[in-house]
Amino acid sequence: MDKNITIKELQNYIKKKDYKPELKNAYFQKLIEEVGELAEVLRKDRRLDQQGTIKGTIEEEL
């Protein structure tokens, strides 16, 4: 059975696992890097069912 979680619950989970406000710049840069990788595979429309492997696909980046 799937349990839906709230944004607040997700925030609390993340805070317990990895909360280092002094690294906010590094976190932001990593986020931008990942968004860029997703944008590239979206632009190239690389899908798992077309590639035969998850490497370099939209599914991997998501």
N, C-alpha and C. Protein backbone atom coordinates (compact mmCIF):
# COMPACT_ATOMS: atom_id res chain seq x y z
N MET A 1 0.84 -1.18 0.00
CA MET A 1 0.00 0.00 0.00
C MET A 1 0.89 1.24 0.00
N ASP A 2 0.66 2.12 -0.94
CA ASP A 2 1.43 3.36 -1.02
C ASP A 2 0.92 4.37 0.00
N LYS A 3 1.86 5.06 0.61
CA LYS A 3 1.49 6.11 1.55
C LYS A 3 1.89 7.44 0.93
N ASN A 4 0.93 8.31 0.79
CA ASN A 4 1.22 9.66 0.30
C ASN A 4 1.84 10.45 1.44
N ILE A 5 2.87 11.23 1.10
CA ILE A 5 3.49 12.06 2.12
C ILE A 5 3.26 13.52 1.78
N THR A 6 3.31 14.33 2.80
CA THR A 6 3.13 15.76 2.61
C THR A 6 4.49 16.40 2.33
N ILE A 7 4.45 17.61 1.81
CA ILE A 7 5.69 18.37 1.59
C ILE A 7 6.43 18.54 2.91
N LYS A 8 5.71 18.81 3.96
CA LYS A 8 6.32 19.01 5.28
C LYS A 8 7.04 17.74 5.74
N GLU A 9 6.42 16.58 5.53
CA GLU A 9 7.06 15.32 5.90
C GLU A 9 8.35 15.11 5.09
N LEU A 10 8.30 15.42 3.80
CA LEU A 10 9.47 15.29 2.94
C LEU A 10 10.58 16.25 3.40
N GLN A 11 10.20 17.47 3.71
CA GLN A 11 11.18 18.45 4.21
C GLN A 11 11.84 17.96 5.50
N ASN A 12 11.04 17.43 6.40
CA ASN A 12 11.58 16.92 7.67
C ASN A 12 12.52 15.75 7.44
N TYR A 13 12.17 14.85 6.51
CA TYR A 13 13.01 13.70 6.19
C TYR A 13 14.37 14.18 5.65
N ILE A 14 14.33 15.10 4.71
CA ILE A 14 15.55 15.62 4.10
C ILE A 14 16.41 16.32 5.16
N LYS A 15 15.76 17.08 6.02
CA LYS A 15 16.48 17.81 7.07
C LYS A 15 17.23 16.84 8.00
N LYS A 16 16.61 15.71 8.30
CA LYS A 16 17.26 14.71 9.16
C LYS A 16 18.43 14.04 8.45
N LYS A 17 18.31 13.83 7.14
CA LYS A 17 19.32 13.10 6.38
C LYS A 17 20.49 13.96 5.93
N ASP A 18 20.22 15.17 5.51
CA ASP A 18 21.27 15.98 4.88
C ASP A 18 20.94 17.46 5.01
N TYR A 19 21.20 18.01 6.17
CA TYR A 19 20.89 19.42 6.40
C TYR A 19 22.17 20.16 6.74
N LYS A 20 22.72 20.81 5.71
CA LYS A 20 23.94 21.58 5.90
C LYS A 20 23.76 22.93 5.20
N PRO A 21 23.11 23.88 5.87
CA PRO A 21 22.82 25.16 5.23
C PRO A 21 24.06 25.88 4.70
N GLU A 22 25.20 25.61 5.27
CA GLU A 22 26.42 26.26 4.80
C GLU A 22 26.83 25.79 3.40
N LEU A 23 26.23 24.70 2.93
CA LEU A 23 26.54 24.18 1.60
C LEU A 23 25.49 24.55 0.56
N LYS A 24 24.67 25.54 0.85
CA LYS A 24 23.56 25.88 -0.06
C LYS A 24 24.04 26.22 -1.46
N ASN A 25 25.19 26.86 -1.60
CA ASN A 25 25.71 27.17 -2.92
C ASN A 25 26.07 25.89 -3.69
N ALA A 26 26.70 24.96 -3.03
CA ALA A 26 27.06 23.67 -3.66
C ALA A 26 25.80 22.90 -4.03
N TYR A 27 24.80 22.90 -3.15
CA TYR A 27 23.54 22.21 -3.45
C TYR A 27 22.88 22.82 -4.68
N PHE A 28 22.87 24.13 -4.75
CA PHE A 28 22.25 24.82 -5.89
C PHE A 28 22.99 24.49 -7.18
N GLN A 29 24.31 24.51 -7.13
CA GLN A 29 25.09 24.19 -8.33
C GLN A 29 24.83 22.76 -8.80
N LYS A 30 24.72 21.82 -7.87
CA LYS A 30 24.42 20.43 -8.23
C LYS A 30 23.03 20.33 -8.84
N LEU A 31 22.08 21.05 -8.30
CA LEU A 31 20.73 21.05 -8.85
C LEU A 31 20.74 21.56 -10.29
N ILE A 32 21.44 22.65 -10.54
CA ILE A 32 21.53 23.22 -11.89
C ILE A 32 22.19 22.22 -12.83
N GLU A 33 23.22 21.53 -12.37
CA GLU A 33 23.89 20.51 -13.18
C GLU A 33 22.91 19.42 -13.59
N GLU A 34 22.14 18.94 -12.62
CA GLU A 34 21.18 17.86 -12.91
C GLU A 34 20.06 18.33 -13.84
N VAL A 35 19.59 19.55 -13.65
CA VAL A 35 18.56 20.10 -14.54
C VAL A 35 19.11 20.21 -15.96
N GLY A 36 20.37 20.61 -16.09
CA GLY A 36 21.00 20.70 -17.40
C GLY A 36 21.08 19.34 -18.09
N GLU A 37 21.43 18.30 -17.33
CA GLU A 37 21.49 16.95 -17.89
C GLU A 37 20.10 16.49 -18.34
N LEU A 38 19.08 16.78 -17.54
CA LEU A 38 17.71 16.44 -17.93
C LEU A 38 17.30 17.20 -19.18
N ALA A 39 17.64 18.48 -19.25
CA ALA A 39 17.30 19.29 -20.43
C ALA A 39 17.92 18.71 -21.68
N GLU A 40 19.16 18.23 -21.59
CA GLU A 40 19.84 17.67 -22.75
C GLU A 40 19.13 16.42 -23.27
N VAL A 41 18.80 15.49 -22.38
CA VAL A 41 18.13 14.26 -22.85
C VAL A 41 16.71 14.54 -23.31
N LEU A 42 16.06 15.55 -22.72
CA LEU A 42 14.73 15.94 -23.20
C LEU A 42 14.83 16.50 -24.62
N ARG A 43 15.82 17.34 -24.84
CA ARG A 43 16.02 17.93 -26.17
C ARG A 43 16.29 16.85 -27.21
N LYS A 44 17.05 15.85 -26.83
CA LYS A 44 17.38 14.75 -27.75
C LYS A 44 16.32 13.67 -27.77
N ASP A 45 15.32 13.80 -26.89
CA ASP A 45 14.21 12.85 -26.78
C ASP A 45 14.70 11.41 -26.62
N ARG A 46 15.64 11.23 -25.73
CA ARG A 46 16.20 9.90 -25.47
C ARG A 46 15.37 9.19 -24.41
N ARG A 47 14.68 8.15 -24.82
CA ARG A 47 13.79 7.39 -23.93
C ARG A 47 14.33 5.99 -23.71
N LEU A 48 14.01 5.42 -22.58
CA LEU A 48 14.46 4.08 -22.22
C LEU A 48 14.02 3.05 -23.25
N ASP A 49 12.77 3.12 -23.68
CA ASP A 49 12.26 2.12 -24.62
C ASP A 49 12.94 2.19 -25.99
N GLN A 50 13.55 3.32 -26.31
CA GLN A 50 14.23 3.48 -27.59
C GLN A 50 15.71 3.12 -27.50
N GLN A 51 16.29 3.26 -26.33
CA GLN A 51 17.73 3.08 -26.16
C GLN A 51 18.12 1.64 -25.80
N GLY A 52 17.23 0.95 -25.11
CA GLY A 52 17.55 -0.39 -24.62
C GLY A 52 18.35 -0.39 -23.33
N THR A 53 18.79 0.77 -22.90
CA THR A 53 19.49 0.93 -21.63
C THR A 53 19.06 2.25 -21.01
N ILE A 54 19.09 2.31 -19.70
CA ILE A 54 18.65 3.53 -19.03
C ILE A 54 19.69 4.65 -19.13
N LYS A 55 20.95 4.28 -19.38
CA LYS A 55 22.04 5.27 -19.44
C LYS A 55 21.76 6.32 -20.52
N GLY A 56 21.79 7.58 -20.12
CA GLY A 56 21.60 8.68 -21.07
C GLY A 56 20.17 8.90 -21.50
N THR A 57 19.22 8.49 -20.66
CA THR A 57 17.80 8.65 -21.01
C THR A 57 17.08 9.61 -20.05
N ILE A 58 15.91 10.01 -20.46
CA ILE A 58 15.05 10.86 -19.63
C ILE A 58 14.78 10.15 -18.30
N GLU A 59 14.49 8.86 -18.39
CA GLU A 59 14.17 8.09 -17.17
C GLU A 59 15.32 8.11 -16.17
N GLU A 60 16.55 8.01 -16.66
CA GLU A 60 17.70 8.05 -15.76
C GLU A 60 17.81 9.42 -15.08
N GLU A 61 17.65 10.48 -15.85
CA GLU A 61 17.83 11.80 -15.30
C GLU A 61 16.71 12.18 -14.33
N LEU A 62 15.51 11.66 -14.57
CA LEU A 62 14.44 11.93 -13.62
C LEU A 62 14.69 11.18 -12.33
